[in-house]
């Protein structure tokens, strides 16, 4: 979906993308806040010498500020999910669609056709059906964030509009990571036993599983995917001989970029909601064919939000509620493998 942004919202988004000329030289978090302030200072009342706002004037300006926040949040979150982050850009098939639309993801089926010996001179042989392509849809659900702070803190500048939008953007991007982590964890639930290994990690067993995936999927290259803790265990295999360049890579990044010629990919870890328990197991490695965006992510409709001021609340607070309808699934068109380290 395309969004027609107002001038103020477009200025903030342009700065974020490094194209807002007034601030492009300072593309930093501090500079980003300056860009916010440059826009909102045109709307907000002038604070007094002590940095405090007039209460009535601030209440009058707040709705216009939140209208801009709605637009900016739509774009900043969508940009992160659609390719602003390297992981999403390479592995997530992201669709932003109108409310009520159910996009179909077309999955290339893996046709594994057997060639059998027979005695010849007749046609009554066993046959196999070509499975062809298949279409799947991803179910979506509503999610919400609802934050507030004392209105007095806005009056004295202890909390600012730019801090509010930064915090809300971070929350939604982190929730996207949570959805991705959850489906990654469940990705191998229906995998054949030969491609679902649970054992002590050894070079021989890992290479065997990689070879099975390559042969079954008919691809020359695969990716080894896991959390930071999971892929770090590849570093410890005694059979791997480290060059100086590899040692430097491990020292600077904590892991190898490749293992036995295969690309290593770190997936975003996330916490279970309200806890510090990780969602993705730190002892699981997925073997996935190169070029396959197996995570399907649907962002349905636009952001729904509203702000509540002290006029709406019995307490003197300012709050912001944001709702989005999202869905995520892991779908593989070809063979893949799972190695659970025990």
C-alpha atoms as a PDB file:
ATOM      1  CA  UNK A   1       0.000   0.000   0.000  1.00  0.00           C
ATOM      2  CA  UNK A   2       1.198   3.527  -0.804  1.00  0.00           C
ATOM      3  CA  UNK A   3       0.818   6.357   1.657  1.00  0.00           C
ATOM      4  CA  UNK A   4       0.392   9.976   0.620  1.00  0.00           C
ATOM      5  CA  UNK A   5       2.190  11.803   3.411  1.00  0.00           C
ATOM      6  CA  UNK A   6       1.601  15.343   4.517  1.00  0.00           C
ATOM      7  CA  UNK A   7       4.508  17.758   4.169  1.00  0.00           C
ATOM      8  CA  UNK A   8       5.527  17.555   7.828  1.00  0.00           C
ATOM      9  CA  UNK A   9       5.412  13.752   7.963  1.00  0.00           C
ATOM     10  CA  UNK A  10       7.323  13.511   4.682  1.00  0.00           C
ATOM     11  CA  UNK A  11      10.051  15.780   6.080  1.00  0.00           C
ATOM     12  CA  UNK A  12      10.610  13.405   9.008  1.00  0.00           C
ATOM     13  CA  UNK A  13      10.597  10.313   6.787  1.00  0.00           C
ATOM     14  CA  UNK A  14      12.969  11.941   4.313  1.00  0.00           C
ATOM     15  CA  UNK A  15      15.376  12.751   7.089  1.00  0.00           C
ATOM     16  CA  UNK A  16      15.246   9.163   8.290  1.00  0.00           C
ATOM     17  CA  UNK A  17      16.231   8.080   4.771  1.00  0.00           C
ATOM     18  CA  UNK A  18      19.047  10.638   4.605  1.00  0.00           C
ATOM     19  CA  UNK A  19      17.360  12.816   1.983  1.00  0.00           C
ATOM     20  CA  UNK A  20      16.094  15.667   4.122  1.00  0.00           C
ATOM     21  CA  UNK A  21      18.697  18.285   3.161  1.00  0.00           C
ATOM     22  CA  UNK A  22      18.286  20.409   6.259  1.00  0.00           C
ATOM     23  CA  UNK A  23      19.483  17.532   8.437  1.00  0.00           C
ATOM     24  CA  UNK A  24      21.066  14.961   6.099  1.00  0.00           C
ATOM     25  CA  UNK A  25      24.562  15.732   7.393  1.00  0.00           C
ATOM     26  CA  UNK A  26      23.517  14.636  10.874  1.00  0.00           C
ATOM     27  CA  UNK A  27      21.870  11.265  10.222  1.00  0.00           C
ATOM     28  CA  UNK A  28      22.201  10.121  13.839  1.00  0.00           C
ATOM     29  CA  UNK A  29      19.681   9.439  16.629  1.00  0.00           C
ATOM     30  CA  UNK A  30      20.461  12.903  17.997  1.00  0.00           C
ATOM     31  CA  UNK A  31      20.000  14.393  14.543  1.00  0.00           C
ATOM     32  CA  UNK A  32      16.753  12.496  14.138  1.00  0.00           C
ATOM     33  CA  UNK A  33      15.416  14.132  17.278  1.00  0.00           C
ATOM     34  CA  UNK A  34      16.481  17.495  15.883  1.00  0.00           C
ATOM     35  CA  UNK A  35      14.458  16.739  12.750  1.00  0.00           C
ATOM     36  CA  UNK A  36      11.432  15.929  14.874  1.00  0.00           C
ATOM     37  CA  UNK A  37      11.865  19.117  16.847  1.00  0.00           C
ATOM     38  CA  UNK A  38      12.239  21.203  13.702  1.00  0.00           C
ATOM     39  CA  UNK A  39       8.848  19.941  12.510  1.00  0.00           C
ATOM     40  CA  UNK A  40       7.010  19.989  15.827  1.00  0.00           C
ATOM     41  CA  UNK A  41       8.360  23.381  16.873  1.00  0.00           C
ATOM     42  CA  UNK A  42       6.273  24.789  14.032  1.00  0.00           C
ATOM     43  CA  UNK A  43       3.186  23.351  15.722  1.00  0.00           C
ATOM     44  CA  UNK A  44       3.868  23.389  19.448  1.00  0.00           C
ATOM     45  CA  UNK A  45       3.559  26.603  21.453  1.00  0.00           C
ATOM     46  CA  UNK A  46       6.709  28.451  22.443  1.00  0.00           C
ATOM     47  CA  UNK A  47       7.934  27.393  25.888  1.00  0.00           C
ATOM     48  CA  UNK A  48       8.747  30.012  28.479  1.00  0.00           C
ATOM     49  CA  UNK A  49      12.243  30.839  29.700  1.00  0.00           C
ATOM     50  CA  UNK A  50      12.138  27.849  32.062  1.00  0.00           C
ATOM     51  CA  UNK A  51      11.290  25.475  29.173  1.00  0.00           C
ATOM     52  CA  UNK A  52       7.670  24.988  30.258  1.00  0.00           C
ATOM     53  CA  UNK A  53       4.630  25.062  27.966  1.00  0.00           C
ATOM     54  CA  UNK A  54       1.330  26.793  28.524  1.00  0.00           C
ATOM     55  CA  UNK A  55      -1.125  24.030  29.366  1.00  0.00           C
ATOM     56  CA  UNK A  56      -4.047  25.202  27.223  1.00  0.00           C
ATOM     57  CA  UNK A  57      -1.854  25.987  24.221  1.00  0.00           C
ATOM     58  CA  UNK A  58      -0.172  22.564  24.431  1.00  0.00           C
ATOM     59  CA  UNK A  59      -3.522  20.751  24.631  1.00  0.00           C
ATOM     60  CA  UNK A  60      -4.621  22.593  21.490  1.00  0.00           C
ATOM     61  CA  UNK A  61      -1.464  21.592  19.554  1.00  0.00           C
ATOM     62  CA  UNK A  62      -1.271  17.939  20.653  1.00  0.00           C
ATOM     63  CA  UNK A  63      -3.879  16.525  18.155  1.00  0.00           C
ATOM     64  CA  UNK A  64      -1.975  17.934  15.166  1.00  0.00           C
ATOM     65  CA  UNK A  65       1.253  16.395  16.481  1.00  0.00           C
ATOM     66  CA  UNK A  66      -0.371  12.990  16.845  1.00  0.00           C
ATOM     67  CA  UNK A  67      -1.780  13.178  13.314  1.00  0.00           C
ATOM     68  CA  UNK A  68       1.817  13.450  12.084  1.00  0.00           C
ATOM     69  CA  UNK A  69       2.923  10.639  14.398  1.00  0.00           C
ATOM     70  CA  UNK A  70       0.337   8.315  12.839  1.00  0.00           C
ATOM     71  CA  UNK A  71       1.777   8.881   9.386  1.00  0.00           C
ATOM     72  CA  UNK A  72       5.407   8.586  10.440  1.00  0.00           C
ATOM     73  CA  UNK A  73       4.801   5.380  12.417  1.00  0.00           C
ATOM     74  CA  UNK A  74       3.110   3.777   9.410  1.00  0.00           C
ATOM     75  CA  UNK A  75       6.177   4.422   7.278  1.00  0.00           C
ATOM     76  CA  UNK A  76       9.005   3.783   9.757  1.00  0.00           C
ATOM     77  CA  UNK A  77       7.632   0.421  10.881  1.00  0.00           C
ATOM     78  CA  UNK A  78       6.729  -0.669   7.351  1.00  0.00           C
ATOM     79  CA  UNK A  79      10.202   0.284   6.117  1.00  0.00           C
ATOM     80  CA  UNK A  80      11.867  -1.860   8.782  1.00  0.00           C
ATOM     81  CA  UNK A  81       9.747  -4.889   7.903  1.00  0.00           C
ATOM     82  CA  UNK A  82       9.976  -4.473   4.138  1.00  0.00           C
ATOM     83  CA  UNK A  83      13.744  -4.296   3.932  1.00  0.00           C
ATOM     84  CA  UNK A  84      15.245  -1.602   6.109  1.00  0.00           C
ATOM     85  CA  UNK A  85      16.694  -4.353   8.267  1.00  0.00           C
ATOM     86  CA  UNK A  86      19.115  -6.714   6.475  1.00  0.00           C
ATOM     87  CA  UNK A  87      17.478  -9.873   7.844  1.00  0.00           C
ATOM     88  CA  UNK A  88      13.997  -8.834   6.700  1.00  0.00           C
ATOM     89  CA  UNK A  89      15.352  -7.747   3.318  1.00  0.00           C
ATOM     90  CA  UNK A  90      16.857 -11.165   2.604  1.00  0.00           C
ATOM     91  CA  UNK A  91      14.571 -13.663   4.327  1.00  0.00           C
ATOM     92  CA  UNK A  92      11.123 -12.129   4.845  1.00  0.00           C
ATOM     93  CA  UNK A  93       8.468 -11.927   2.116  1.00  0.00           C
ATOM     94  CA  UNK A  94       6.606  -8.867   3.433  1.00  0.00           C
ATOM     95  CA  UNK A  95       3.196  -7.742   2.129  1.00  0.00           C
ATOM     96  CA  UNK A  96       1.380  -4.591   3.215  1.00  0.00           C
ATOM     97  CA  UNK A  97      -2.218  -4.905   2.003  1.00  0.00           C
ATOM     98  CA  UNK A  98      -5.560  -3.153   2.402  1.00  0.00           C
ATOM     99  CA  UNK A  99      -7.788  -4.186   5.287  1.00  0.00           C
ATOM    100  CA  UNK A 100      -9.770  -7.275   4.291  1.00  0.00           C
ATOM    101  CA  UNK A 101      -7.333  -8.374   1.569  1.00  0.00           C
ATOM    102  CA  UNK A 102      -5.827 -11.858   1.912  1.00  0.00           C
ATOM    103  CA  UNK A 103      -2.699 -12.012  -0.268  1.00  0.00           C
ATOM    104  CA  UNK A 104      -1.722 -15.365  -1.719  1.00  0.00           C
ATOM    105  CA  UNK A 105       1.859 -16.526  -1.527  1.00  0.00           C
ATOM    106  CA  UNK A 106       2.714 -18.800  -4.455  1.00  0.00           C
ATOM    107  CA  UNK A 107       5.009 -21.619  -3.335  1.00  0.00           C
ATOM    108  CA  UNK A 108       7.061 -23.586  -5.817  1.00  0.00           C
ATOM    109  CA  UNK A 109       6.471 -27.279  -5.123  1.00  0.00           C
ATOM    110  CA  UNK A 110       9.361 -29.708  -5.026  1.00  0.00           C
ATOM    111  CA  UNK A 111       8.702 -32.434  -7.635  1.00  0.00           C
ATOM    112  CA  UNK A 112      10.756 -35.494  -6.670  1.00  0.00           C
ATOM    113  CA  UNK A 113      10.273 -37.765  -9.687  1.00  0.00           C
ATOM    114  CA  UNK A 114      11.608 -41.310  -9.556  1.00  0.00           C
ATOM    115  CA  UNK A 115      13.123 -43.104 -12.567  1.00  0.00           C
ATOM    116  CA  UNK A 116      12.505 -46.857 -12.234  1.00  0.00           C
ATOM    117  CA  UNK A 117      13.784 -49.887 -14.069  1.00  0.00           C
ATOM    118  CA  UNK A 118      11.159 -52.024 -15.866  1.00  0.00           C
ATOM    119  CA  UNK A 119      11.131 -54.948 -18.281  1.00  0.00           C
ATOM    120  CA  UNK A 120      10.124 -52.877 -21.336  1.00  0.00           C
ATOM    121  CA  UNK A 121       7.596 -53.268 -24.155  1.00  0.00           C
ATOM    122  CA  UNK A 122       4.466 -52.234 -22.214  1.00  0.00           C
ATOM    123  CA  UNK A 123       2.840 -49.052 -20.875  1.00  0.00           C
ATOM    124  CA  UNK A 124       1.079 -50.128 -17.697  1.00  0.00           C
ATOM    125  CA  UNK A 125       3.547 -48.644 -15.206  1.00  0.00           C
ATOM    126  CA  UNK A 126       3.204 -46.753 -11.927  1.00  0.00           C
ATOM    127  CA  UNK A 127       2.805 -43.019 -12.377  1.00  0.00           C
ATOM    128  CA  UNK A 128       3.474 -39.950 -10.195  1.00  0.00           C
ATOM    129  CA  UNK A 129       1.422 -36.775 -10.123  1.00  0.00           C
ATOM    130  CA  UNK A 130       3.196 -33.445 -10.621  1.00  0.00           C
ATOM    131  CA  UNK A 131       2.353 -31.382  -7.574  1.00  0.00           C
ATOM    132  CA  UNK A 132       2.921 -28.013  -9.267  1.00  0.00           C
ATOM    133  CA  UNK A 133       2.678 -24.712  -7.429  1.00  0.00           C
ATOM    134  CA  UNK A 134       0.468 -24.090  -4.419  1.00  0.00           C
ATOM    135  CA  UNK A 135      -1.012 -20.952  -2.947  1.00  0.00           C
ATOM    136  CA  UNK A 136      -1.197 -20.221   0.766  1.00  0.00           C
ATOM    137  CA  UNK A 137      -2.631 -17.377   2.822  1.00  0.00           C
ATOM    138  CA  UNK A 138      -1.444 -16.157   6.208  1.00  0.00           C
ATOM    139  CA  UNK A 139      -3.962 -15.520   8.969  1.00  0.00           C
ATOM    140  CA  UNK A 140      -3.723 -12.104  10.638  1.00  0.00           C
ATOM    141  CA  UNK A 141      -4.585 -10.965  14.162  1.00  0.00           C
ATOM    142  CA  UNK A 142      -4.929  -7.598  15.868  1.00  0.00           C
ATOM    143  CA  UNK A 143      -2.130  -6.366  18.120  1.00  0.00           C
ATOM    144  CA  UNK A 144      -2.041  -3.225  20.250  1.00  0.00           C
ATOM    145  CA  UNK A 145       0.294  -0.936  22.164  1.00  0.00           C
ATOM    146  CA  UNK A 146      -1.086   1.589  24.625  1.00  0.00           C
ATOM    147  CA  UNK A 147       1.280   3.936  26.453  1.00  0.00           C
ATOM    148  CA  UNK A 148       0.804   6.956  28.675  1.00  0.00           C
ATOM    149  CA  UNK A 149       2.673   9.478  30.780  1.00  0.00           C
ATOM    150  CA  UNK A 150       1.759  12.300  33.104  1.00  0.00           C
ATOM    151  CA  UNK A 151       0.711  15.370  31.154  1.00  0.00           C
ATOM    152  CA  UNK A 152       2.749  17.443  33.578  1.00  0.00           C
ATOM    153  CA  UNK A 153       5.915  15.749  32.272  1.00  0.00           C
ATOM    154  CA  UNK A 154       5.062  16.971  28.773  1.00  0.00           C
ATOM    155  CA  UNK A 155       4.520  20.465  30.121  1.00  0.00           C
ATOM    156  CA  UNK A 156       7.997  20.596  31.673  1.00  0.00           C
ATOM    157  CA  UNK A 157       9.732  18.813  28.770  1.00  0.00           C
ATOM    158  CA  UNK A 158      10.637  15.652  30.707  1.00  0.00           C
ATOM    159  CA  UNK A 159       9.041  13.586  27.928  1.00  0.00           C
ATOM    160  CA  UNK A 160       8.916  14.784  24.322  1.00  0.00           C
ATOM    161  CA  UNK A 161       6.951  13.922  21.203  1.00  0.00           C
ATOM    162  CA  UNK A 162      10.075  12.612  19.448  1.00  0.00           C
ATOM    163  CA  UNK A 163      10.796  10.256  22.354  1.00  0.00           C
ATOM    164  CA  UNK A 164       7.246   8.942  22.129  1.00  0.00           C
ATOM    165  CA  UNK A 165       7.443   8.117  18.395  1.00  0.00           C
ATOM    166  CA  UNK A 166      10.915   6.562  18.773  1.00  0.00           C
ATOM    167  CA  UNK A 167       9.710   4.325  21.596  1.00  0.00           C
ATOM    168  CA  UNK A 168       6.579   3.281  19.703  1.00  0.00           C
ATOM    169  CA  UNK A 169       8.519   2.511  16.501  1.00  0.00           C
ATOM    170  CA  UNK A 170      10.983   0.399  18.467  1.00  0.00           C
ATOM    171  CA  UNK A 171       8.141  -1.503  20.127  1.00  0.00           C
ATOM    172  CA  UNK A 172       6.492  -2.454  16.825  1.00  0.00           C
ATOM    173  CA  UNK A 173       9.746  -3.394  15.110  1.00  0.00           C
ATOM    174  CA  UNK A 174      10.623  -5.564  18.125  1.00  0.00           C
ATOM    175  CA  UNK A 175       7.190  -7.199  17.893  1.00  0.00           C
ATOM    176  CA  UNK A 176       7.935  -8.062  14.266  1.00  0.00           C
ATOM    177  CA  UNK A 177      11.104  -9.777  15.493  1.00  0.00           C
ATOM    178  CA  UNK A 178       8.968 -11.705  17.985  1.00  0.00           C
ATOM    179  CA  UNK A 179       6.608 -12.953  15.270  1.00  0.00           C
ATOM    180  CA  UNK A 180       9.553 -14.006  13.081  1.00  0.00           C
ATOM    181  CA  UNK A 181      11.288 -15.745  15.996  1.00  0.00           C
ATOM    182  CA  UNK A 182       8.109 -17.645  16.880  1.00  0.00           C
ATOM    183  CA  UNK A 183       7.536 -19.051  13.381  1.00  0.00           C
ATOM    184  CA  UNK A 184      11.232 -19.872  13.041  1.00  0.00           C
ATOM    185  CA  UNK A 185      10.967 -21.929  16.224  1.00  0.00           C
ATOM    186  CA  UNK A 186       7.984 -23.869  14.839  1.00  0.00           C
ATOM    187  CA  UNK A 187       9.336 -24.216  11.302  1.00  0.00           C
ATOM    188  CA  UNK A 188      10.432 -27.852  11.519  1.00  0.00           C
ATOM    189  CA  UNK A 189       7.321 -29.338  13.139  1.00  0.00           C
ATOM    190  CA  UNK A 190       6.374 -31.504  10.098  1.00  0.00           C
ATOM    191  CA  UNK A 191       9.841 -32.321   8.789  1.00  0.00           C
ATOM    192  CA  UNK A 192      10.791 -35.903   7.731  1.00  0.00           C
ATOM    193  CA  UNK A 193      12.986 -37.703  10.268  1.00  0.00           C
ATOM    194  CA  UNK A 194      15.982 -37.875   7.903  1.00  0.00           C
ATOM    195  CA  UNK A 195      16.058 -34.069   7.783  1.00  0.00           C
ATOM    196  CA  UNK A 196      15.378 -33.520  11.499  1.00  0.00           C
ATOM    197  CA  UNK A 197      18.500 -34.475  13.437  1.00  0.00           C
ATOM    198  CA  UNK A 198      18.916 -34.303  17.221  1.00  0.00           C
ATOM    199  CA  UNK A 199      22.450 -35.222  18.281  1.00  0.00           C
ATOM    200  CA  UNK A 200      25.813 -33.954  19.431  1.00  0.00           C
ATOM    201  CA  UNK A 201      27.058 -31.420  16.901  1.00  0.00           C
ATOM    202  CA  UNK A 202      29.850 -32.839  14.746  1.00  0.00           C
ATOM    203  CA  UNK A 203      31.270 -31.727  11.428  1.00  0.00           C
ATOM    204  CA  UNK A 204      30.444 -35.085   9.811  1.00  0.00           C
ATOM    205  CA  UNK A 205      26.746 -35.056  10.806  1.00  0.00           C
ATOM    206  CA  UNK A 206      26.309 -31.401   9.924  1.00  0.00           C
ATOM    207  CA  UNK A 207      27.871 -31.865   6.487  1.00  0.00           C
ATOM    208  CA  UNK A 208      25.691 -34.931   5.875  1.00  0.00           C
ATOM    209  CA  UNK A 209      22.512 -32.973   6.664  1.00  0.00           C
ATOM    210  CA  UNK A 210      23.654 -30.089   4.461  1.00  0.00           C
ATOM    211  CA  UNK A 211      24.301 -32.470   1.601  1.00  0.00           C
ATOM    212  CA  UNK A 212      20.855 -34.060   1.988  1.00  0.00           C
ATOM    213  CA  UNK A 213      19.183 -30.641   1.740  1.00  0.00           C
ATOM    214  CA  UNK A 214      21.252 -29.655  -1.304  1.00  0.00           C
ATOM    215  CA  UNK A 215      20.465 -32.882  -3.138  1.00  0.00           C
ATOM    216  CA  UNK A 216      16.773 -32.960  -2.219  1.00  0.00           C
ATOM    217  CA  UNK A 217      16.214 -29.284  -3.064  1.00  0.00           C
ATOM    218  CA  UNK A 218      18.440 -29.405  -6.137  1.00  0.00           C
ATOM    219  CA  UNK A 219      20.417 -26.316  -5.127  1.00  0.00           C
ATOM    220  CA  UNK A 220      24.185 -25.699  -5.045  1.00  0.00           C
ATOM    221  CA  UNK A 221      24.223 -23.559  -1.906  1.00  0.00           C
ATOM    222  CA  UNK A 222      22.439 -23.359   1.428  1.00  0.00           C
ATOM    223  CA  UNK A 223      22.346 -21.114   4.491  1.00  0.00           C
ATOM    224  CA  UNK A 224      22.835 -22.193   8.093  1.00  0.00           C
ATOM    225  CA  UNK A 225      20.481 -20.186  10.290  1.00  0.00           C
ATOM    226  CA  UNK A 226      20.211 -19.849  14.050  1.00  0.00           C
ATOM    227  CA  UNK A 227      20.494 -17.523  17.006  1.00  0.00           C
ATOM    228  CA  UNK A 228      23.802 -15.978  18.017  1.00  0.00           C
ATOM    229  CA  UNK A 229      24.274 -18.670  20.682  1.00  0.00           C
ATOM    230  CA  UNK A 230      23.374 -21.520  18.313  1.00  0.00           C
ATOM    231  CA  UNK A 231      25.677 -20.548  15.450  1.00  0.00           C
ATOM    232  CA  UNK A 232      28.512 -19.817  17.876  1.00  0.00           C
ATOM    233  CA  UNK A 233      28.664 -23.564  18.534  1.00  0.00           C
ATOM    234  CA  UNK A 234      29.872 -24.084  14.965  1.00  0.00           C
ATOM    235  CA  UNK A 235      32.982 -22.132  15.968  1.00  0.00           C
ATOM    236  CA  UNK A 236      33.851 -24.774  18.563  1.00  0.00           C
ATOM    237  CA  UNK A 237      34.011 -27.789  16.251  1.00  0.00           C
ATOM    238  CA  UNK A 238      37.514 -29.212  16.611  1.00  0.00           C
ATOM    239  CA  UNK A 239      37.580 -30.355  12.976  1.00  0.00           C
ATOM    240  CA  UNK A 240      37.471 -26.774  11.668  1.00  0.00           C
ATOM    241  CA  UNK A 241      40.911 -25.298  10.963  1.00  0.00           C
ATOM    242  CA  UNK A 242      40.992 -21.537  11.450  1.00  0.00           C
ATOM    243  CA  UNK A 243      42.964 -19.183   9.219  1.00  0.00           C
ATOM    244  CA  UNK A 244      44.090 -15.797  10.520  1.00  0.00           C
ATOM    245  CA  UNK A 245      41.263 -14.147   8.583  1.00  0.00           C
ATOM    246  CA  UNK A 246      38.716 -16.480  10.196  1.00  0.00           C
ATOM    247  CA  UNK A 247      40.131 -15.785  13.657  1.00  0.00           C
ATOM    248  CA  UNK A 248      39.838 -12.053  13.041  1.00  0.00           C
ATOM    249  CA  UNK A 249      36.242 -12.521  11.860  1.00  0.00           C
ATOM    250  CA  UNK A 250      35.304 -14.436  15.008  1.00  0.00           C
ATOM    251  CA  UNK A 251      37.068 -11.840  17.164  1.00  0.00           C
ATOM    252  CA  UNK A 252      35.260  -8.897  15.561  1.00  0.00           C
ATOM    253  CA  UNK A 253      31.785 -10.394  14.962  1.00  0.00           C
ATOM    254  CA  UNK A 254      31.610 -13.322  17.402  1.00  0.00           C
ATOM    255  CA  UNK A 255      31.041 -15.837  14.614  1.00  0.00           C
ATOM    256  CA  UNK A 256      32.116 -17.013  11.184  1.00  0.00           C
ATOM    257  CA  UNK A 257      30.448 -15.606   8.072  1.00  0.00           C
ATOM    258  CA  UNK A 258      30.684 -19.000   6.367  1.00  0.00           C
ATOM    259  CA  UNK A 259      31.070 -22.579   7.535  1.00  0.00           C
ATOM    260  CA  UNK A 260      32.468 -25.158   5.105  1.00  0.00           C
ATOM    261  CA  UNK A 261      31.499 -22.855   2.221  1.00  0.00           C
ATOM    262  CA  UNK A 262      27.948 -22.310   3.462  1.00  0.00           C
ATOM    263  CA  UNK A 263      26.633 -18.892   4.508  1.00  0.00           C
ATOM    264  CA  UNK A 264      25.823 -18.421   8.188  1.00  0.00           C
ATOM    265  CA  UNK A 265      22.842 -16.216   9.079  1.00  0.00           C
ATOM    266  CA  UNK A 266      21.964 -14.948  12.542  1.00  0.00           C
ATOM    267  CA  UNK A 267      18.240 -14.656  13.173  1.00  0.00           C
ATOM    268  CA  UNK A 268      16.791 -12.067  15.583  1.00  0.00           C
ATOM    269  CA  UNK A 269      16.170 -13.471  19.065  1.00  0.00           C
ATOM    270  CA  UNK A 270      13.198 -12.230  21.100  1.00  0.00           C
ATOM    271  CA  UNK A 271      11.697 -12.586  24.560  1.00  0.00           C
ATOM    272  CA  UNK A 272       8.388 -14.201  25.416  1.00  0.00           C
ATOM    273  CA  UNK A 273       5.934 -11.388  26.172  1.00  0.00           C
ATOM    274  CA  UNK A 274       6.370 -10.110  29.710  1.00  0.00           C
ATOM    275  CA  UNK A 275       9.383 -12.329  30.452  1.00  0.00           C
ATOM    276  CA  UNK A 276      13.113 -12.578  29.840  1.00  0.00           C
ATOM    277  CA  UNK A 277      12.754 -16.104  28.417  1.00  0.00           C
ATOM    278  CA  UNK A 278      13.992 -16.465  24.847  1.00  0.00           C
ATOM    279  CA  UNK A 279      11.511 -17.583  22.184  1.00  0.00           C
ATOM    280  CA  UNK A 280      13.965 -19.315  19.864  1.00  0.00           C
ATOM    281  CA  UNK A 281      15.888 -22.297  21.195  1.00  0.00           C
ATOM    282  CA  UNK A 282      19.613 -21.598  21.337  1.00  0.00           C
ATOM    283  CA  UNK A 283      20.469 -25.150  20.276  1.00  0.00           C
ATOM    284  CA  UNK A 284      18.711 -25.235  16.885  1.00  0.00           C
ATOM    285  CA  UNK A 285      20.237 -24.712  13.438  1.00  0.00           C
ATOM    286  CA  UNK A 286      18.105 -24.625  10.271  1.00  0.00           C
ATOM    287  CA  UNK A 287      19.537 -25.625   6.887  1.00  0.00           C
ATOM    288  CA  UNK A 288      17.733 -23.568   4.240  1.00  0.00           C
ATOM    289  CA  UNK A 289      18.315 -23.313   0.435  1.00  0.00           C
ATOM    290  CA  UNK A 290      19.827 -20.037  -0.760  1.00  0.00           C
ATOM    291  CA  UNK A 291      17.454 -17.429  -2.139  1.00  0.00           C
ATOM    292  CA  UNK A 292      14.309 -18.688  -0.414  1.00  0.00           C
ATOM    293  CA  UNK A 293      12.267 -16.126   1.537  1.00  0.00           C
ATOM    294  CA  UNK A 294      10.551 -18.690   3.696  1.00  0.00           C
ATOM    295  CA  UNK A 295       9.057 -16.269   6.253  1.00  0.00           C
ATOM    296  CA  UNK A 296       5.755 -14.814   5.018  1.00  0.00           C
ATOM    297  CA  UNK A 297       4.738 -11.604   6.790  1.00  0.00           C
ATOM    298  CA  UNK A 298       1.398  -9.835   6.244  1.00  0.00           C
ATOM    299  CA  UNK A 299       0.716  -6.301   7.498  1.00  0.00           C
ATOM    300  CA  UNK A 300      -2.995  -5.766   6.901  1.00  0.00           C
ATOM    301  CA  UNK A 301      -4.422  -2.264   6.683  1.00  0.00           C
ATOM    302  CA  UNK A 302      -3.089   0.998   8.049  1.00  0.00           C
ATOM    303  CA  UNK A 303      -2.157   1.876  11.595  1.00  0.00           C
ATOM    304  CA  UNK A 304      -5.152   2.641  13.759  1.00  0.00           C
ATOM    305  CA  UNK A 305      -4.394   5.005  16.587  1.00  0.00           C
ATOM    306  CA  UNK A 306      -5.858   7.609  18.868  1.00  0.00           C
ATOM    307  CA  UNK A 307      -4.557   9.893  21.558  1.00  0.00           C
ATOM    308  CA  UNK A 308      -6.261  10.651  24.855  1.00  0.00           C
ATOM    309  CA  UNK A 309      -5.524  13.812  26.809  1.00  0.00           C
ATOM    310  CA  UNK A 310      -6.547  14.960  30.269  1.00  0.00           C
ATOM    311  CA  UNK A 311      -9.845  16.075  28.673  1.00  0.00           C
ATOM    312  CA  UNK A 312     -10.623  12.398  27.984  1.00  0.00           C
ATOM    313  CA  UNK A 313      -9.105  10.862  31.116  1.00  0.00           C
ATOM    314  CA  UNK A 314     -10.113  11.325  34.713  1.00  0.00           C
ATOM    315  CA  UNK A 315      -6.407  11.451  35.572  1.00  0.00           C
ATOM    316  CA  UNK A 316      -4.154  14.126  34.093  1.00  0.00           C
ATOM    317  CA  UNK A 317      -2.271  11.935  31.666  1.00  0.00           C
ATOM    318  CA  UNK A 318      -1.585  11.840  27.954  1.00  0.00           C
ATOM    319  CA  UNK A 319      -1.863   8.426  26.275  1.00  0.00           C
ATOM    320  CA  UNK A 320      -1.459   6.955  22.788  1.00  0.00           C
ATOM    321  CA  UNK A 321      -3.025   3.709  21.585  1.00  0.00           C
ATOM    322  CA  UNK A 322      -1.812   2.060  18.346  1.00  0.00           C
ATOM    323  CA  UNK A 323      -3.361  -1.008  16.678  1.00  0.00           C
ATOM    324  CA  UNK A 324      -2.097  -3.080  13.732  1.00  0.00           C
ATOM    325  CA  UNK A 325      -3.285  -6.316  12.150  1.00  0.00           C
ATOM    326  CA  UNK A 326      -0.399  -8.717  11.466  1.00  0.00           C
ATOM    327  CA  UNK A 327       0.296 -12.317  10.505  1.00  0.00           C
ATOM    328  CA  UNK A 328       3.437 -14.394  10.063  1.00  0.00           C
ATOM    329  CA  UNK A 329       4.185 -17.947   8.910  1.00  0.00           C
ATOM    330  CA  UNK A 330       7.164 -20.058   7.856  1.00  0.00           C
ATOM    331  CA  UNK A 331       6.562 -21.816   4.522  1.00  0.00           C
ATOM    332  CA  UNK A 332       9.178 -23.826   2.623  1.00  0.00           C
ATOM    333  CA  UNK A 333       8.843 -24.563  -1.074  1.00  0.00           C
ATOM    334  CA  UNK A 334      11.733 -27.002  -1.091  1.00  0.00           C
ATOM    335  CA  UNK A 335      13.661 -29.267   1.243  1.00  0.00           C
ATOM    336  CA  UNK A 336      15.228 -27.933   4.416  1.00  0.00           C
ATOM    337  CA  UNK A 337      16.837 -29.414   7.506  1.00  0.00           C
ATOM    338  CA  UNK A 338      16.948 -28.949  11.255  1.00  0.00           C
ATOM    339  CA  UNK A 339      19.824 -29.839  13.561  1.00  0.00           C
ATOM    340  CA  UNK A 340      18.999 -29.806  17.283  1.00  0.00           C
ATOM    341  CA  UNK A 341      22.197 -29.803  19.333  1.00  0.00           C
ATOM    342  CA  UNK A 342      22.015 -32.020  22.420  1.00  0.00           C
END
